Amino acid sequence: MSNKKIDDTDETMIDAEYIPNNLVSEEQIEETGMLVEEEETIIKPKFRPATINELNNGIPQVRKIPVPPNRFKPLKKDWKKFYEPLVKHLNLQVRMNTRSNRVELRTSKYTKDPGSLQKAADFVKAFMMGFDVDDAIAILRVDDLYIDSFDIKDVKNLEGDHLSRAIGRIAGKNGKVKFAIENASKTRIVLADSSIHILGSFQNIKIARDSVVSLILGSPPGKVHANLKIITARMKQRF
Protein backbone atom coordinates (compact mmCIF):
# COMPACT_ATOMS: atom_id res chain seq x y z
CA MET A 1 0.00 0.00 0.00
CA SER A 2 2.97 2.25 0.62
CA ASN A 3 4.50 1.36 -2.77
CA LYS A 4 1.39 2.15 -4.77
CA LYS A 5 -0.05 5.51 -5.51
CA ILE A 6 -3.42 6.01 -3.95
CA ASP A 7 -6.00 7.28 -6.42
CA ASP A 8 -9.19 9.01 -5.50
CA THR A 9 -11.17 6.07 -6.83
CA ASP A 10 -9.24 3.48 -4.81
CA GLU A 11 -10.48 2.31 -1.45
CA THR A 12 -8.28 3.45 1.41
CA MET A 13 -7.82 0.85 4.12
CA ILE A 14 -6.71 2.04 7.52
CA ASP A 15 -4.38 -0.39 9.19
CA ALA A 16 -3.11 -0.46 12.75
CA GLU A 17 0.36 0.52 11.49
CA TYR A 18 -0.92 3.89 10.32
CA ILE A 19 -2.79 4.82 13.57
CA PRO A 20 -0.80 7.55 15.35
CA ASN A 21 0.40 6.41 18.75
CA ASN A 22 -0.69 9.47 20.74
CA LEU A 23 -2.12 7.49 23.66
CA VAL A 24 -0.20 7.46 26.92
CA SER A 25 0.69 4.02 28.19
CA GLU A 26 0.42 2.92 31.80
CA GLU A 27 4.22 2.86 32.13
CA GLN A 28 4.45 6.49 30.99
CA ILE A 29 1.73 7.43 33.47
CA GLU A 30 3.68 5.87 36.32
CA GLU A 31 6.90 7.60 35.19
CA THR A 32 5.36 11.04 34.92
CA GLY A 33 3.32 10.59 38.09
CA MET A 34 -0.01 11.16 36.32
CA LEU A 35 -2.00 8.88 38.59
CA VAL A 36 -5.77 9.26 38.78
CA GLU A 37 -6.78 10.10 42.30
CA GLU A 38 -9.81 8.46 43.82
CA GLU A 39 -12.85 10.63 44.30
CA GLU A 40 -13.09 12.03 47.78
CA THR A 41 -16.25 11.31 49.77
CA ILE A 42 -18.54 14.33 49.57
CA ILE A 43 -20.05 15.41 52.88
CA LYS A 44 -23.64 16.53 52.35
CA PRO A 45 -24.70 19.64 54.24
CA LYS A 46 -27.31 19.20 56.94
CA PHE A 47 -29.94 21.92 57.16
CA ARG A 48 -32.45 22.33 59.96
CA PRO A 49 -36.14 22.03 59.05
CA ALA A 50 -37.59 25.28 57.77
CA THR A 51 -40.24 26.90 59.91
CA ILE A 52 -43.69 27.66 58.55
CA ASN A 53 -42.86 31.38 58.36
CA GLU A 54 -39.71 30.70 56.35
CA LEU A 55 -41.62 28.53 53.89
CA ASN A 56 -43.92 31.45 53.08
CA ASN A 57 -41.22 34.16 53.20
CA GLY A 58 -42.44 35.35 56.59
CA ILE A 59 -45.96 36.13 55.31
CA PRO A 60 -48.65 34.59 57.56
CA GLN A 61 -51.12 32.21 55.93
CA VAL A 62 -54.82 32.96 56.34
CA ARG A 63 -58.04 30.93 56.12
CA LYS A 64 -61.50 32.49 56.18
CA ILE A 65 -64.51 30.25 56.90
CA PRO A 66 -68.03 31.72 56.53
CA VAL A 67 -70.48 31.30 59.41
CA PRO A 68 -74.06 30.27 58.52
CA PRO A 69 -76.83 32.26 60.24
CA ASN A 70 -78.00 29.23 62.24
CA ARG A 71 -74.52 28.72 63.77
CA PHE A 72 -74.04 32.22 65.21
CA LYS A 73 -75.73 31.44 68.51
CA PRO A 74 -73.89 28.12 69.12
CA LEU A 75 -70.60 29.81 68.16
CA LYS A 76 -71.18 32.63 70.64
CA LYS A 77 -72.17 30.15 73.35
CA ASP A 78 -69.14 27.85 72.89
CA TRP A 79 -66.64 30.51 71.81
CA LYS A 80 -64.16 29.74 74.60
CA LYS A 81 -64.20 26.01 73.94
CA PHE A 82 -63.98 26.84 70.23
CA TYR A 83 -60.82 28.98 70.17
CA GLU A 84 -58.80 27.43 73.04
CA PRO A 85 -57.51 24.34 71.16
CA LEU A 86 -56.69 26.48 68.12
CA VAL A 87 -54.68 29.03 70.11
CA LYS A 88 -53.10 26.89 72.83
CA HIS A 89 -52.36 23.65 70.98
CA LEU A 90 -51.98 24.71 67.33
CA ASN A 91 -50.52 28.17 68.14
CA LEU A 92 -52.76 29.96 65.65
CA GLN A 93 -54.42 33.35 65.75
CA VAL A 94 -58.25 33.32 65.65
CA ARG A 95 -60.86 36.03 65.42
CA MET A 96 -64.52 36.40 64.52
CA ASN A 97 -65.04 39.05 61.84
CA THR A 98 -68.56 40.36 62.47
CA ARG A 99 -68.52 42.51 59.33
CA SER A 100 -67.96 39.67 56.88
CA ASN A 101 -69.48 36.99 59.17
CA ARG A 102 -66.40 34.80 58.94
CA VAL A 103 -64.03 33.05 61.30
CA GLU A 104 -60.49 34.04 60.34
CA LEU A 105 -57.47 31.83 61.09
CA ARG A 106 -53.87 32.97 60.73
CA THR A 107 -50.46 31.48 61.40
CA SER A 108 -48.06 33.18 63.80
CA LYS A 109 -44.35 32.99 64.59
CA TYR A 110 -45.16 30.35 67.22
CA THR A 111 -46.85 27.98 64.70
CA LYS A 112 -44.60 24.96 64.23
CA ASP A 113 -46.62 22.37 62.31
CA PRO A 114 -47.28 23.34 58.63
CA GLY A 115 -50.51 21.29 58.68
CA SER A 116 -51.97 23.12 61.68
CA LEU A 117 -53.83 25.68 59.57
CA GLN A 118 -55.56 23.03 57.45
CA LYS A 119 -56.52 21.00 60.53
CA ALA A 120 -57.98 24.11 62.12
CA ALA A 121 -59.93 24.93 58.96
CA ASP A 122 -61.40 21.40 58.90
CA PHE A 123 -62.36 21.74 62.57
CA VAL A 124 -64.14 25.07 61.96
CA LYS A 125 -65.94 23.72 58.90
CA ALA A 126 -67.13 20.70 60.90
CA PHE A 127 -68.56 23.00 63.57
CA MET A 128 -70.30 25.13 60.92
CA MET A 129 -71.90 21.99 59.46
CA GLY A 130 -73.60 21.36 62.79
CA PHE A 131 -71.26 19.09 64.78
CA ASP A 132 -70.72 19.83 68.46
CA VAL A 133 -67.39 21.30 69.56
CA ASP A 134 -66.55 18.12 71.51
CA ASP A 135 -67.12 16.01 68.37
CA ALA A 136 -65.42 18.36 65.91
CA ILE A 137 -62.35 18.72 68.14
CA ALA A 138 -61.52 15.07 67.41
CA ILE A 139 -60.33 16.23 63.95
CA LEU A 140 -57.48 18.08 65.68
CA ARG A 141 -56.46 15.06 67.78
CA VAL A 142 -56.92 12.15 65.36
CA ASP A 143 -55.38 12.11 61.89
CA ASP A 144 -57.64 9.65 60.04
CA LEU A 145 -60.96 11.43 60.51
CA TYR A 146 -62.99 12.72 57.58
CA ILE A 147 -66.38 14.28 56.83
CA ASP A 148 -68.61 12.77 54.17
CA SER A 149 -71.52 14.93 53.01
CA PHE A 150 -74.32 14.00 50.64
CA ASP A 151 -77.92 14.94 49.91
CA ILE A 152 -80.94 12.70 50.23
CA LYS A 153 -81.91 13.56 46.65
CA ASP A 154 -78.56 12.17 45.48
CA VAL A 155 -79.78 8.74 46.63
CA LYS A 156 -83.42 9.01 45.63
CA ASN A 157 -85.37 11.91 44.18
CA LEU A 158 -87.93 12.60 46.90
CA GLU A 159 -90.22 15.60 47.26
CA GLY A 160 -92.69 16.88 49.83
CA ASP A 161 -94.01 14.35 52.34
CA HIS A 162 -91.84 11.56 50.94
CA LEU A 163 -88.73 13.60 51.76
CA SER A 164 -90.03 14.35 55.26
CA ARG A 165 -90.75 10.67 55.92
CA ALA A 166 -87.23 9.72 54.76
CA ILE A 167 -85.71 12.24 57.19
CA GLY A 168 -87.99 10.87 59.93
CA ARG A 169 -86.84 7.28 59.25
CA ILE A 170 -83.19 8.36 59.54
CA ALA A 171 -83.75 10.26 62.79
CA GLY A 172 -86.28 7.94 64.42
CA LYS A 173 -88.39 8.75 67.43
CA ASN A 174 -86.44 11.15 69.65
CA GLY A 175 -83.37 10.47 67.48
CA LYS A 176 -83.09 6.81 68.52
CA VAL A 177 -82.31 5.47 65.02
CA LYS A 178 -79.63 8.08 64.42
CA PHE A 179 -78.04 7.40 67.82
CA ALA A 180 -78.10 3.65 67.15
CA ILE A 181 -76.25 4.12 63.83
CA GLU A 182 -73.72 6.44 65.49
CA ASN A 183 -73.00 4.04 68.35
CA ALA A 184 -72.74 0.98 66.09
CA SER A 185 -70.51 2.63 63.47
CA LYS A 186 -68.57 4.90 65.88
CA THR A 187 -69.43 8.00 63.87
CA ARG A 188 -71.32 11.26 64.33
CA ILE A 189 -74.20 12.19 62.03
CA VAL A 190 -75.77 15.60 61.42
CA LEU A 191 -79.13 15.98 59.64
CA ALA A 192 -79.27 19.46 58.12
CA ASP A 193 -82.57 19.57 56.22
CA SER A 194 -81.98 17.25 53.24
CA SER A 195 -78.18 17.24 53.67
CA ILE A 196 -76.44 14.56 55.74
CA HIS A 197 -72.92 14.95 57.19
CA ILE A 198 -71.02 11.98 58.67
CA LEU A 199 -67.85 12.37 60.74
CA GLY A 200 -65.57 9.39 61.33
CA SER A 201 -62.92 7.13 59.87
CA PHE A 202 -63.15 5.89 56.28
CA GLN A 203 -64.41 2.41 57.14
CA ASN A 204 -66.88 3.61 59.77
CA ILE A 205 -68.27 6.27 57.44
CA LYS A 206 -69.03 3.56 54.87
CA ILE A 207 -70.97 1.53 57.46
CA ALA A 208 -73.02 4.56 58.57
CA ARG A 209 -73.62 5.70 55.00
CA ASP A 210 -74.90 2.28 53.91
CA SER A 211 -77.34 2.27 56.83
CA VAL A 212 -78.59 5.78 56.04
CA VAL A 213 -78.99 4.95 52.34
CA SER A 214 -81.02 1.85 53.23
CA LEU A 215 -83.38 4.00 55.32
CA ILE A 216 -83.73 6.53 52.49
CA LEU A 217 -84.64 3.75 50.04
CA GLY A 218 -87.41 2.59 52.38
CA SER A 219 -85.92 -0.16 54.54
CA PRO A 220 -87.58 -0.44 57.97
CA PRO A 221 -85.43 0.60 60.94
CA GLY A 222 -85.65 -2.90 62.46
CA LYS A 223 -83.91 -4.44 59.44
CA VAL A 224 -81.20 -1.75 59.54
CA HIS A 225 -80.65 -2.47 63.27
CA ALA A 226 -80.21 -6.17 62.54
CA ASN A 227 -77.67 -5.47 59.80
CA LEU A 228 -75.75 -3.14 62.13
CA LYS A 229 -75.57 -5.83 64.82
CA ILE A 230 -74.10 -8.29 62.32
CA ILE A 231 -71.52 -5.75 61.12
CA THR A 232 -70.47 -4.76 64.65
CA ALA A 233 -70.10 -8.43 65.62
CA ARG A 234 -67.79 -8.97 62.63
CA MET A 235 -65.75 -5.90 63.52
CA LYS A 236 -65.28 -7.16 67.11
CA GLN A 237 -64.04 -10.51 65.79
CA ARG A 238 -61.47 -8.77 63.56
CA PHE A 239 -60.09 -6.53 66.26
C-alpha atoms as a PDB file:
ATOM      1  CA  MET A   1       0.000   0.000   0.000  1.00  0.00           C
ATOM      2  CA  SER A   2       2.966   2.245   0.622  1.00  0.00           C
ATOM      3  CA  ASN A   3       4.503   1.359  -2.767  1.00  0.00           C
ATOM      4  CA  LYS A   4       1.385   2.150  -4.766  1.00  0.00           C
ATOM      5  CA  LYS A   5      -0.047   5.515  -5.510  1.00  0.00           C
ATOM      6  CA  ILE A   6      -3.421   6.008  -3.948  1.00  0.00           C
ATOM      7  CA  ASP A   7      -5.999   7.278  -6.417  1.00  0.00           C
ATOM      8  CA  ASP A   8      -9.187   9.009  -5.501  1.00  0.00           C
ATOM      9  CA  THR A   9     -11.170   6.075  -6.828  1.00  0.00           C
ATOM     10  CA  ASP A  10      -9.238   3.483  -4.808  1.00  0.00           C
ATOM     11  CA  GLU A  11     -10.482   2.311  -1.450  1.00  0.00           C
ATOM     12  CA  THR A  12      -8.284   3.448   1.409  1.00  0.00           C
ATOM     13  CA  MET A  13      -7.820   0.846   4.116  1.00  0.00           C
ATOM     14  CA  ILE A  14      -6.706   2.039   7.523  1.00  0.00           C
ATOM     15  CA  ASP A  15      -4.379  -0.388   9.193  1.00  0.00           C
ATOM     16  CA  ALA A  16      -3.113  -0.465  12.751  1.00  0.00           C
ATOM     17  CA  GLU A  17       0.362   0.524  11.490  1.00  0.00           C
ATOM     18  CA  TYR A  18      -0.924   3.894  10.318  1.00  0.00           C
ATOM     19  CA  ILE A  19      -2.788   4.821  13.572  1.00  0.00           C
ATOM     20  CA  PRO A  20      -0.799   7.552  15.347  1.00  0.00           C
ATOM     21  CA  ASN A  21       0.395   6.412  18.753  1.00  0.00           C
ATOM     22  CA  ASN A  22      -0.694   9.469  20.741  1.00  0.00           C
ATOM     23  CA  LEU A  23      -2.119   7.492  23.663  1.00  0.00           C
ATOM     24  CA  VAL A  24      -0.201   7.462  26.916  1.00  0.00           C
ATOM     25  CA  SER A  25       0.687   4.023  28.192  1.00  0.00           C
ATOM     26  CA  GLU A  26       0.415   2.915  31.800  1.00  0.00           C
ATOM     27  CA  GLU A  27       4.219   2.856  32.133  1.00  0.00           C
ATOM     28  CA  GLN A  28       4.453   6.494  30.994  1.00  0.00           C
ATOM     29  CA  ILE A  29       1.732   7.428  33.469  1.00  0.00           C
ATOM     30  CA  GLU A  30       3.679   5.867  36.316  1.00  0.00           C
ATOM     31  CA  GLU A  31       6.902   7.595  35.185  1.00  0.00           C
ATOM     32  CA  THR A  32       5.357  11.037  34.919  1.00  0.00           C
ATOM     33  CA  GLY A  33       3.324  10.588  38.094  1.00  0.00           C
ATOM     34  CA  MET A  34      -0.006  11.156  36.320  1.00  0.00           C
ATOM     35  CA  LEU A  35      -2.001   8.884  38.589  1.00  0.00           C
ATOM     36  CA  VAL A  36      -5.767   9.261  38.783  1.00  0.00           C
ATOM     37  CA  GLU A  37      -6.782  10.102  42.299  1.00  0.00           C
ATOM     38  CA  GLU A  38      -9.810   8.459  43.817  1.00  0.00           C
ATOM     39  CA  GLU A  39     -12.845  10.635  44.303  1.00  0.00           C
ATOM     40  CA  GLU A  40     -13.091  12.030  47.785  1.00  0.00           C
ATOM     41  CA  THR A  41     -16.250  11.313  49.770  1.00  0.00           C
ATOM     42  CA  ILE A  42     -18.538  14.335  49.570  1.00  0.00           C
ATOM     43  CA  ILE A  43     -20.048  15.410  52.881  1.00  0.00           C
ATOM     44  CA  LYS A  44     -23.638  16.528  52.353  1.00  0.00           C
ATOM     45  CA  PRO A  45     -24.696  19.635  54.241  1.00  0.00           C
ATOM     46  CA  LYS A  46     -27.311  19.200  56.936  1.00  0.00           C
ATOM     47  CA  PHE A  47     -29.936  21.924  57.159  1.00  0.00           C
ATOM     48  CA  ARG A  48     -32.453  22.331  59.961  1.00  0.00           C
ATOM     49  CA  PRO A  49     -36.143  22.030  59.052  1.00  0.00           C
ATOM     50  CA  ALA A  50     -37.594  25.283  57.767  1.00  0.00           C
ATOM     51  CA  THR A  51     -40.243  26.902  59.911  1.00  0.00           C
ATOM     52  CA  ILE A  52     -43.695  27.663  58.551  1.00  0.00           C
ATOM     53  CA  ASN A  53     -42.858  31.379  58.358  1.00  0.00           C
ATOM     54  CA  GLU A  54     -39.711  30.701  56.354  1.00  0.00           C
ATOM     55  CA  LEU A  55     -41.616  28.529  53.892  1.00  0.00           C
ATOM     56  CA  ASN A  56     -43.921  31.447  53.082  1.00  0.00           C
ATOM     57  CA  ASN A  57     -41.224  34.156  53.199  1.00  0.00           C
ATOM     58  CA  GLY A  58     -42.436  35.351  56.591  1.00  0.00           C
ATOM     59  CA  ILE A  59     -45.955  36.132  55.311  1.00  0.00           C
ATOM     60  CA  PRO A  60     -48.653  34.593  57.562  1.00  0.00           C
ATOM     61  CA  GLN A  61     -51.117  32.215  55.927  1.00  0.00           C
ATOM     62  CA  VAL A  62     -54.820  32.961  56.340  1.00  0.00           C
ATOM     63  CA  ARG A  63     -58.037  30.933  56.124  1.00  0.00           C
ATOM     64  CA  LYS A  64     -61.504  32.491  56.179  1.00  0.00           C
ATOM     65  CA  ILE A  65     -64.510  30.251  56.897  1.00  0.00           C
ATOM     66  CA  PRO A  66     -68.030  31.717  56.529  1.00  0.00           C
ATOM     67  CA  VAL A  67     -70.476  31.295  59.410  1.00  0.00           C
ATOM     68  CA  PRO A  68     -74.064  30.268  58.516  1.00  0.00           C
ATOM     69  CA  PRO A  69     -76.828  32.256  60.243  1.00  0.00           C
ATOM     70  CA  ASN A  70     -77.998  29.230  62.241  1.00  0.00           C
ATOM     71  CA  ARG A  71     -74.518  28.718  63.768  1.00  0.00           C
ATOM     72  CA  PHE A  72     -74.044  32.225  65.208  1.00  0.00           C
ATOM     73  CA  LYS A  73     -75.731  31.436  68.512  1.00  0.00           C
ATOM     74  CA  PRO A  74     -73.889  28.116  69.118  1.00  0.00           C
ATOM     75  CA  LEU A  75     -70.602  29.812  68.161  1.00  0.00           C
ATOM     76  CA  LYS A  76     -71.178  32.625  70.637  1.00  0.00           C
ATOM     77  CA  LYS A  77     -72.170  30.145  73.349  1.00  0.00           C
ATOM     78  CA  ASP A  78     -69.144  27.851  72.890  1.00  0.00           C
ATOM     79  CA  TRP A  79     -66.639  30.510  71.810  1.00  0.00           C
ATOM     80  CA  LYS A  80     -64.160  29.742  74.604  1.00  0.00           C
ATOM     81  CA  LYS A  81     -64.199  26.011  73.935  1.00  0.00           C
ATOM     82  CA  PHE A  82     -63.981  26.841  70.234  1.00  0.00           C
ATOM     83  CA  TYR A  83     -60.824  28.979  70.175  1.00  0.00           C
ATOM     84  CA  GLU A  84     -58.795  27.428  73.042  1.00  0.00           C
ATOM     85  CA  PRO A  85     -57.514  24.340  71.161  1.00  0.00           C
ATOM     86  CA  LEU A  86     -56.687  26.478  68.124  1.00  0.00           C
ATOM     87  CA  VAL A  87     -54.678  29.027  70.107  1.00  0.00           C
ATOM     88  CA  LYS A  88     -53.096  26.893  72.832  1.00  0.00           C
ATOM     89  CA  HIS A  89     -52.364  23.653  70.981  1.00  0.00           C
ATOM     90  CA  LEU A  90     -51.985  24.713  67.328  1.00  0.00           C
ATOM     91  CA  ASN A  91     -50.522  28.174  68.142  1.00  0.00           C
ATOM     92  CA  LEU A  92     -52.755  29.964  65.646  1.00  0.00           C
ATOM     93  CA  GLN A  93     -54.423  33.354  65.748  1.00  0.00           C
ATOM     94  CA  VAL A  94     -58.251  33.321  65.651  1.00  0.00           C
ATOM     95  CA  ARG A  95     -60.865  36.030  65.417  1.00  0.00           C
ATOM     96  CA  MET A  96     -64.516  36.400  64.519  1.00  0.00           C
ATOM     97  CA  ASN A  97     -65.040  39.048  61.842  1.00  0.00           C
ATOM     98  CA  THR A  98     -68.556  40.358  62.467  1.00  0.00           C
ATOM     99  CA  ARG A  99     -68.522  42.513  59.326  1.00  0.00           C
ATOM    100  CA  SER A 100     -67.957  39.667  56.881  1.00  0.00           C
ATOM    101  CA  ASN A 101     -69.484  36.995  59.167  1.00  0.00           C
ATOM    102  CA  ARG A 102     -66.397  34.802  58.938  1.00  0.00           C
ATOM    103  CA  VAL A 103     -64.030  33.052  61.296  1.00  0.00           C
ATOM    104  CA  GLU A 104     -60.486  34.043  60.341  1.00  0.00           C
ATOM    105  CA  LEU A 105     -57.467  31.831  61.091  1.00  0.00           C
ATOM    106  CA  ARG A 106     -53.871  32.972  60.728  1.00  0.00           C
ATOM    107  CA  THR A 107     -50.457  31.480  61.401  1.00  0.00           C
ATOM    108  CA  SER A 108     -48.059  33.181  63.801  1.00  0.00           C
ATOM    109  CA  LYS A 109     -44.353  32.995  64.585  1.00  0.00           C
ATOM    110  CA  TYR A 110     -45.162  30.346  67.215  1.00  0.00           C
ATOM    111  CA  THR A 111     -46.848  27.984  64.704  1.00  0.00           C
ATOM    112  CA  LYS A 112     -44.600  24.959  64.232  1.00  0.00           C
ATOM    113  CA  ASP A 113     -46.623  22.371  62.305  1.00  0.00           C
ATOM    114  CA  PRO A 114     -47.280  23.335  58.631  1.00  0.00           C
ATOM    115  CA  GLY A 115     -50.510  21.293  58.684  1.00  0.00           C
ATOM    116  CA  SER A 116     -51.966  23.115  61.679  1.00  0.00           C
ATOM    117  CA  LEU A 117     -53.830  25.678  59.571  1.00  0.00           C
ATOM    118  CA  GLN A 118     -55.558  23.030  57.447  1.00  0.00           C
ATOM    119  CA  LYS A 119     -56.523  21.001  60.527  1.00  0.00           C
ATOM    120  CA  ALA A 120     -57.978  24.114  62.123  1.00  0.00           C
ATOM    121  CA  ALA A 121     -59.934  24.928  58.958  1.00  0.00           C
ATOM    122  CA  ASP A 122     -61.404  21.401  58.896  1.00  0.00           C
ATOM    123  CA  PHE A 123     -62.358  21.743  62.574  1.00  0.00           C
ATOM    124  CA  VAL A 124     -64.135  25.067  61.964  1.00  0.00           C
ATOM    125  CA  LYS A 125     -65.945  23.718  58.895  1.00  0.00           C
ATOM    126  CA  ALA A 126     -67.133  20.700  60.895  1.00  0.00           C
ATOM    127  CA  PHE A 127     -68.560  23.004  63.567  1.00  0.00           C
ATOM    128  CA  MET A 128     -70.299  25.131  60.922  1.00  0.00           C
ATOM    129  CA  MET A 129     -71.896  21.994  59.465  1.00  0.00           C
ATOM    130  CA  GLY A 130     -73.598  21.355  62.788  1.00  0.00           C
ATOM    131  CA  PHE A 131     -71.259  19.089  64.776  1.00  0.00           C
ATOM    132  CA  ASP A 132     -70.719  19.834  68.461  1.00  0.00           C
ATOM    133  CA  VAL A 133     -67.388  21.296  69.558  1.00  0.00           C
ATOM    134  CA  ASP A 134     -66.545  18.121  71.506  1.00  0.00           C
ATOM    135  CA  ASP A 135     -67.115  16.007  68.373  1.00  0.00           C
ATOM    136  CA  ALA A 136     -65.419  18.360  65.911  1.00  0.00           C
ATOM    137  CA  ILE A 137     -62.347  18.724  68.137  1.00  0.00           C
ATOM    138  CA  ALA A 138     -61.523  15.074  67.406  1.00  0.00           C
ATOM    139  CA  ILE A 139     -60.329  16.233  63.950  1.00  0.00           C
ATOM    140  CA  LEU A 140     -57.482  18.080  65.683  1.00  0.00           C
ATOM    141  CA  ARG A 141     -56.460  15.064  67.784  1.00  0.00           C
ATOM    142  CA  VAL A 142     -56.919  12.146  65.361  1.00  0.00           C
ATOM    143  CA  ASP A 143     -55.378  12.106  61.889  1.00  0.00           C
ATOM    144  CA  ASP A 144     -57.642   9.653  60.039  1.00  0.00           C
ATOM    145  CA  LEU A 145     -60.964  11.434  60.512  1.00  0.00           C
ATOM    146  CA  TYR A 146     -62.989  12.724  57.584  1.00  0.00           C
ATOM    147  CA  ILE A 147     -66.378  14.276  56.830  1.00  0.00           C
ATOM    148  CA  ASP A 148     -68.615  12.771  54.174  1.00  0.00           C
ATOM    149  CA  SER A 149     -71.523  14.928  53.007  1.00  0.00           C
ATOM    150  CA  PHE A 150     -74.318  14.004  50.641  1.00  0.00           C
ATOM    151  CA  ASP A 151     -77.919  14.938  49.908  1.00  0.00           C
ATOM    152  CA  ILE A 152     -80.936  12.700  50.232  1.00  0.00           C
ATOM    153  CA  LYS A 153     -81.905  13.565  46.651  1.00  0.00           C
ATOM    154  CA  ASP A 154     -78.557  12.165  45.480  1.00  0.00           C
ATOM    155  CA  VAL A 155     -79.778   8.735  46.629  1.00  0.00           C
ATOM    156  CA  LYS A 156     -83.424   9.005  45.632  1.00  0.00           C
ATOM    157  CA  ASN A 157     -85.369  11.906  44.181  1.00  0.00           C
ATOM    158  CA  LEU A 158     -87.930  12.598  46.898  1.00  0.00           C
ATOM    159  CA  GLU A 159     -90.217  15.602  47.257  1.00  0.00           C
ATOM    160  CA  GLY A 160     -92.692  16.884  49.834  1.00  0.00           C
ATOM    161  CA  ASP A 161     -94.009  14.347  52.335  1.00  0.00           C
ATOM    162  CA  HIS A 162     -91.843  11.556  50.943  1.00  0.00           C
ATOM    163  CA  LEU A 163     -88.727  13.601  51.763  1.00  0.00           C
ATOM    164  CA  SER A 164     -90.033  14.349  55.262  1.00  0.00           C
ATOM    165  CA  ARG A 165     -90.750  10.667  55.923  1.00  0.00           C
ATOM    166  CA  ALA A 166     -87.233   9.718  54.762  1.00  0.00           C
ATOM    167  CA  ILE A 167     -85.714  12.239  57.192  1.00  0.00           C
ATOM    168  CA  GLY A 168     -87.992  10.870  59.928  1.00  0.00           C
ATOM    169  CA  ARG A 169     -86.844   7.283  59.255  1.00  0.00           C
ATOM    170  CA  ILE A 170     -83.194   8.357  59.539  1.00  0.00           C
ATOM    171  CA  ALA A 171     -83.747  10.262  62.793  1.00  0.00           C
ATOM    172  CA  GLY A 172     -86.279   7.935  64.416  1.00  0.00           C
ATOM    173  CA  LYS A 173     -88.385   8.747  67.432  1.00  0.00           C
ATOM    174  CA  ASN A 174     -86.436  11.149  69.651  1.00  0.00           C
ATOM    175  CA  GLY A 175     -83.374  10.467  67.483  1.00  0.00           C
ATOM    176  CA  LYS A 176     -83.089   6.814  68.522  1.00  0.00           C
ATOM    177  CA  VAL A 177     -82.310   5.473  65.024  1.00  0.00           C
ATOM    178  CA  LYS A 178     -79.631   8.078  64.419  1.00  0.00           C
ATOM    179  CA  PHE A 179     -78.040   7.397  67.820  1.00  0.00           C
ATOM    180  CA  ALA A 180     -78.104   3.646  67.148  1.00  0.00           C
ATOM    181  CA  ILE A 181     -76.252   4.120  63.832  1.00  0.00           C
ATOM    182  CA  GLU A 182     -73.723   6.441  65.494  1.00  0.00           C
ATOM    183  CA  ASN A 183     -72.999   4.035  68.346  1.00  0.00           C
ATOM    184  CA  ALA A 184     -72.735   0.980  66.094  1.00  0.00           C
ATOM    185  CA  SER A 185     -70.507   2.628  63.470  1.00  0.00           C
ATOM    186  CA  LYS A 186     -68.572   4.904  65.884  1.00  0.00           C
ATOM    187  CA  THR A 187     -69.434   8.001  63.873  1.00  0.00           C
ATOM    188  CA  ARG A 188     -71.323  11.260  64.332  1.00  0.00           C
ATOM    189  CA  ILE A 189     -74.204  12.193  62.026  1.00  0.00           C
ATOM    190  CA  VAL A 190     -75.765  15.602  61.417  1.00  0.00           C
ATOM    191  CA  LEU A 191     -79.127  15.979  59.645  1.00  0.00           C
ATOM    192  CA  ALA A 192     -79.269  19.460  58.124  1.00  0.00           C
ATOM    193  CA  ASP A 193     -82.567  19.567  56.224  1.00  0.00           C
ATOM    194  CA  SER A 194     -81.982  17.249  53.244  1.00  0.00           C
ATOM    195  CA  SER A 195     -78.179  17.242  53.674  1.00  0.00           C
ATOM    196  CA  ILE A 196     -76.436  14.561  55.739  1.00  0.00           C
ATOM    197  CA  HIS A 197     -72.920  14.947  57.193  1.00  0.00           C
ATOM    198  CA  ILE A 198     -71.024  11.984  58.673  1.00  0.00           C
ATOM    199  CA  LEU A 199     -67.848  12.370  60.738  1.00  0.00           C
ATOM    200  CA  GLY A 200     -65.575   9.388  61.329  1.00  0.00           C
ATOM    201  CA  SER A 201     -62.915   7.134  59.866  1.00  0.00           C
ATOM    202  CA  PHE A 202     -63.150   5.893  56.281  1.00  0.00           C
ATOM    203  CA  GLN A 203     -64.411   2.410  57.139  1.00  0.00           C
ATOM    204  CA  ASN A 204     -66.881   3.610  59.775  1.00  0.00           C
ATOM    205  CA  ILE A 205     -68.275   6.273  57.437  1.00  0.00           C
ATOM    206  CA  LYS A 206     -69.026   3.562  54.871  1.00  0.00           C
ATOM    207  CA  ILE A 207     -70.974   1.531  57.464  1.00  0.00           C
ATOM    208  CA  ALA A 208     -73.016   4.556  58.574  1.00  0.00           C
ATOM    209  CA  ARG A 209     -73.618   5.704  54.998  1.00  0.00           C
ATOM    210  CA  ASP A 210     -74.902   2.275  53.910  1.00  0.00           C
ATOM    211  CA  SER A 211     -77.341   2.272  56.828  1.00  0.00           C
ATOM    212  CA  VAL A 212     -78.594   5.780  56.037  1.00  0.00           C
ATOM    213  CA  VAL A 213     -78.991   4.953  52.341  1.00  0.00           C
ATOM    214  CA  SER A 214     -81.024   1.847  53.232  1.00  0.00           C
ATOM    215  CA  LEU A 215     -83.380   3.996  55.319  1.00  0.00           C
ATOM    216  CA  ILE A 216     -83.734   6.530  52.492  1.00  0.00           C
ATOM    217  CA  LEU A 217     -84.636   3.750  50.041  1.00  0.00           C
ATOM    218  CA  GLY A 218     -87.406   2.593  52.379  1.00  0.00           C
ATOM    219  CA  SER A 219     -85.920  -0.165  54.540  1.00  0.00           C
ATOM    220  CA  PRO A 220     -87.584  -0.436  57.967  1.00  0.00           C
ATOM    221  CA  PRO A 221     -85.427   0.604  60.942  1.00  0.00           C
ATOM    222  CA  GLY A 222     -85.649  -2.896  62.459  1.00  0.00           C
ATOM    223  CA  LYS A 223     -83.907  -4.438  59.441  1.00  0.00           C
ATOM    224  CA  VAL A 224     -81.202  -1.749  59.544  1.00  0.00           C
ATOM    225  CA  HIS A 225     -80.653  -2.468  63.272  1.00  0.00           C
ATOM    226  CA  ALA A 226     -80.214  -6.170  62.537  1.00  0.00           C
ATOM    227  CA  ASN A 227     -77.666  -5.474  59.803  1.00  0.00           C
ATOM    228  CA  LEU A 228     -75.745  -3.139  62.129  1.00  0.00           C
ATOM    229  CA  LYS A 229     -75.573  -5.835  64.824  1.00  0.00           C
ATOM    230  CA  ILE A 230     -74.101  -8.289  62.317  1.00  0.00           C
ATOM    231  CA  ILE A 231     -71.521  -5.751  61.123  1.00  0.00           C
ATOM    232  CA  THR A 232     -70.473  -4.760  64.652  1.00  0.00           C
ATOM    233  CA  ALA A 233     -70.099  -8.427  65.620  1.00  0.00           C
ATOM    234  CA  ARG A 234     -67.793  -8.973  62.634  1.00  0.00           C
ATOM    235  CA  MET A 235     -65.745  -5.900  63.516  1.00  0.00           C
ATOM    236  CA  LYS A 236     -65.280  -7.159  67.112  1.00  0.00           C
ATOM    237  CA  GLN A 237     -64.036 -10.508  65.787  1.00  0.00           C
ATOM    238  CA  ARG A 238     -61.472  -8.773  63.564  1.00  0.00           C
ATOM    239  CA  PHE A 239     -60.089  -6.529  66.264  1.00  0.00           C
END
